[in-house]
Amino acid sequence: MLKRFHQLPIGKKLQAINLLMISLITLLTIISLCFYMYATLQDEYQGDSKSLSSLLAENVNSALLFGDKKSAQEALAGLRTVDHVSHAEIYDKAGNLFASYAKGTGTFRAPPHLDPKGYETEIHFGRLTFNTTFPVLSVAPDKEQIGTLTMQLDLSNAYAHLGY
């Protein structure tokens, strides 16, 4: 193959080199665009989950304070309108499961206990899922952690649009 390349006239050699360079640049551009779209998607879901978690945490803080499991369950039931949330749980201050939501029946089984710690939002990306943990705080002025909200977002549909 290399011997044949050396026998070509200079014009054909330059054309072959140009074609190779254009192909490599195109390939690198496509790969860069895919990584950019992937990172943008993760940032978008991270922002959405923070907003959704913050809103839910504010809605369930009184339910946690007064031990109203039904009210907390109803707040979580509102997640059925959010397509990419596969499940969510609320844990009390001791780390015991207080309320849960799962899309469909039997799709997720929450652990009965979560080790409560003083943290801010924790986010973990998996292959097709995005897990977030968010503290539920009491009302001002104390703002002490009275519970924990966990959510798992299903990214399979979003990744399917990217071609992964």
Protein backbone atom coordinates (compact mmCIF):
# COMPACT_ATOMS: atom_id res chain seq x y z
CA MET A 1 0.00 0.00 0.00
CA LEU A 2 2.78 2.41 0.94
CA LYS A 3 4.70 1.47 -2.21
CA ARG A 4 1.70 2.35 -4.34
CA PHE A 5 1.39 5.69 -2.54
CA HIS A 6 5.02 6.55 -3.41
CA GLN A 7 4.32 5.89 -7.09
CA LEU A 8 1.48 8.40 -7.27
CA PRO A 9 2.06 11.84 -8.76
CA ILE A 10 2.45 14.70 -6.27
CA GLY A 11 -1.05 16.03 -6.99
CA LYS A 12 -2.68 12.71 -6.07
CA LYS A 13 -0.52 12.42 -2.95
CA LEU A 14 -1.67 15.86 -1.80
CA GLN A 15 -5.30 14.93 -2.49
CA ALA A 16 -4.95 11.74 -0.44
CA ILE A 17 -3.30 13.60 2.44
CA ASN A 18 -6.01 16.31 2.33
CA LEU A 19 -8.76 13.66 2.36
CA LEU A 20 -7.13 11.92 5.31
CA MET A 21 -6.77 15.20 7.25
CA ILE A 22 -10.38 16.22 6.57
CA SER A 23 -11.58 12.79 7.68
CA LEU A 24 -9.59 12.99 10.92
CA ILE A 25 -10.79 16.53 11.67
CA THR A 26 -14.40 15.50 11.00
CA LEU A 27 -14.06 12.47 13.27
CA LEU A 28 -12.54 14.55 16.08
CA THR A 29 -15.28 17.17 15.69
CA ILE A 30 -18.01 14.54 15.95
CA ILE A 31 -16.40 12.98 19.04
CA SER A 32 -16.00 16.41 20.67
CA LEU A 33 -19.63 17.25 19.93
CA CYS A 34 -20.81 13.98 21.50
CA PHE A 35 -18.82 14.67 24.69
CA TYR A 36 -20.16 18.23 24.79
CA MET A 37 -23.76 17.03 24.40
CA TYR A 38 -23.22 14.40 27.11
CA ALA A 39 -21.80 16.99 29.54
CA THR A 40 -24.58 19.44 28.72
CA LEU A 41 -27.20 16.78 29.35
CA GLN A 42 -25.68 15.94 32.73
CA ASP A 43 -25.57 19.62 33.70
CA GLU A 44 -29.20 20.05 32.66
CA TYR A 45 -30.35 17.05 34.69
CA GLN A 46 -28.24 18.17 37.65
CA GLY A 47 -29.91 21.59 37.61
CA ASP A 48 -33.36 20.04 37.21
CA SER A 49 -32.80 17.63 40.08
CA LYS A 50 -31.56 20.40 42.39
CA SER A 51 -34.62 22.52 41.62
CA LEU A 52 -37.02 19.60 41.98
CA SER A 53 -35.34 18.38 45.19
CA SER A 54 -35.39 21.85 46.70
CA LEU A 55 -39.07 22.29 45.87
CA LEU A 56 -40.00 18.87 47.25
CA ALA A 57 -37.91 19.40 50.40
CA GLU A 58 -39.78 22.63 51.11
CA ASN A 59 -43.13 20.91 50.53
CA VAL A 60 -42.44 17.98 52.86
CA ASN A 61 -40.69 19.73 55.74
CA SER A 62 -43.95 20.34 57.64
CA ALA A 63 -45.05 16.75 56.96
CA LEU A 64 -41.80 15.52 58.52
CA LEU A 65 -42.09 17.87 61.48
CA PHE A 66 -45.62 16.69 62.27
CA GLY A 67 -45.18 13.04 61.28
CA ASP A 68 -47.79 13.30 58.51
CA LYS A 69 -46.83 10.42 56.22
CA LYS A 70 -49.94 10.81 54.06
CA SER A 71 -49.08 14.42 53.20
CA ALA A 72 -45.49 13.46 52.35
CA GLN A 73 -46.74 10.59 50.18
CA GLU A 74 -49.06 12.98 48.32
CA ALA A 75 -46.20 15.41 47.71
CA LEU A 76 -44.10 12.59 46.25
CA ALA A 77 -47.05 11.38 44.15
CA GLY A 78 -46.77 14.63 42.21
CA LEU A 79 -43.59 13.21 40.68
CA ARG A 80 -45.67 10.99 38.40
CA THR A 81 -45.87 13.96 36.01
CA VAL A 82 -42.06 14.08 35.75
CA ASP A 83 -41.18 11.40 33.21
CA HIS A 84 -37.53 10.96 34.11
CA VAL A 85 -37.96 10.42 37.88
CA SER A 86 -37.98 6.68 38.49
CA HIS A 87 -38.21 6.77 42.30
CA ALA A 88 -37.89 9.05 45.31
CA GLU A 89 -37.79 8.54 49.06
CA ILE A 90 -38.03 10.71 52.14
CA TYR A 91 -36.18 9.64 55.28
CA ASP A 92 -36.71 11.13 58.72
CA LYS A 93 -33.97 12.57 60.92
CA ALA A 94 -33.14 9.12 62.31
CA GLY A 95 -32.73 7.75 58.78
CA ASN A 96 -35.94 5.69 58.73
CA LEU A 97 -38.01 5.53 55.55
CA PHE A 98 -40.87 8.05 55.91
CA ALA A 99 -42.46 8.07 52.42
CA SER A 100 -41.58 6.75 48.98
CA TYR A 101 -42.58 6.98 45.33
CA ALA A 102 -41.78 4.58 42.52
CA LYS A 103 -42.86 4.80 38.91
CA GLY A 104 -44.87 1.66 38.30
CA THR A 105 -45.41 -1.04 40.88
CA GLY A 106 -42.55 -2.94 42.47
CA THR A 107 -39.88 -1.19 40.42
CA PHE A 108 -37.88 -0.06 43.43
CA ARG A 109 -37.57 -1.08 47.03
CA ALA A 110 -36.13 1.61 49.28
CA PRO A 111 -33.83 0.54 52.10
CA PRO A 112 -35.62 0.86 55.46
CA HIS A 113 -32.80 2.99 56.90
CA LEU A 114 -30.47 5.67 55.54
CA ASP A 115 -27.49 6.90 57.50
CA PRO A 116 -28.25 10.60 58.00
CA LYS A 117 -25.26 12.91 57.75
CA GLY A 118 -24.85 16.64 57.53
CA TYR A 119 -24.23 17.19 53.85
CA GLU A 120 -25.29 19.34 51.02
CA THR A 121 -26.62 17.93 47.79
CA GLU A 122 -24.82 14.78 46.69
CA ILE A 123 -25.04 13.76 43.05
CA HIS A 124 -23.94 10.49 41.48
CA PHE A 125 -24.14 9.63 37.81
CA GLY A 126 -24.44 6.03 36.75
CA ARG A 127 -24.60 4.65 33.22
CA LEU A 128 -28.32 5.31 32.72
CA THR A 129 -29.31 6.81 36.07
CA PHE A 130 -28.68 9.93 38.06
CA ASN A 131 -28.99 9.77 41.85
CA THR A 132 -29.37 12.80 44.05
CA THR A 133 -29.58 13.22 47.82
CA PHE A 134 -30.90 16.44 49.30
CA PRO A 135 -31.40 17.51 52.94
CA VAL A 136 -34.86 18.48 54.17
CA LEU A 137 -34.44 21.48 56.46
CA SER A 138 -36.74 22.91 59.10
CA VAL A 139 -38.15 26.38 58.68
CA ALA A 140 -36.18 29.49 59.64
CA PRO A 141 -34.46 30.51 61.84
CA ASP A 142 -32.96 27.11 62.79
CA LYS A 143 -32.70 25.51 59.35
CA GLU A 144 -31.64 22.22 60.95
CA GLN A 145 -31.77 19.01 58.93
CA ILE A 146 -34.95 17.11 59.78
CA GLY A 147 -34.81 14.56 57.00
CA THR A 148 -33.35 13.49 53.67
CA LEU A 149 -34.80 13.33 50.19
CA THR A 150 -33.33 10.91 47.66
CA MET A 151 -34.26 10.67 43.99
CA GLN A 152 -33.22 8.59 41.03
CA LEU A 153 -33.64 9.96 37.53
CA ASP A 154 -33.72 7.65 34.54
CA LEU A 155 -31.54 9.01 31.73
CA SER A 156 -32.10 6.20 29.23
CA ASN A 157 -34.50 8.22 27.04
CA ALA A 158 -32.20 11.25 27.04
CA TYR A 159 -29.17 9.13 26.17
CA ALA A 160 -31.17 7.42 23.41
CA HIS A 161 -31.58 10.83 21.75
CA LEU A 162 -27.79 11.27 21.91
CA GLY A 163 -27.22 7.91 20.26
CA TYR A 164 -25.59 6.18 23.28
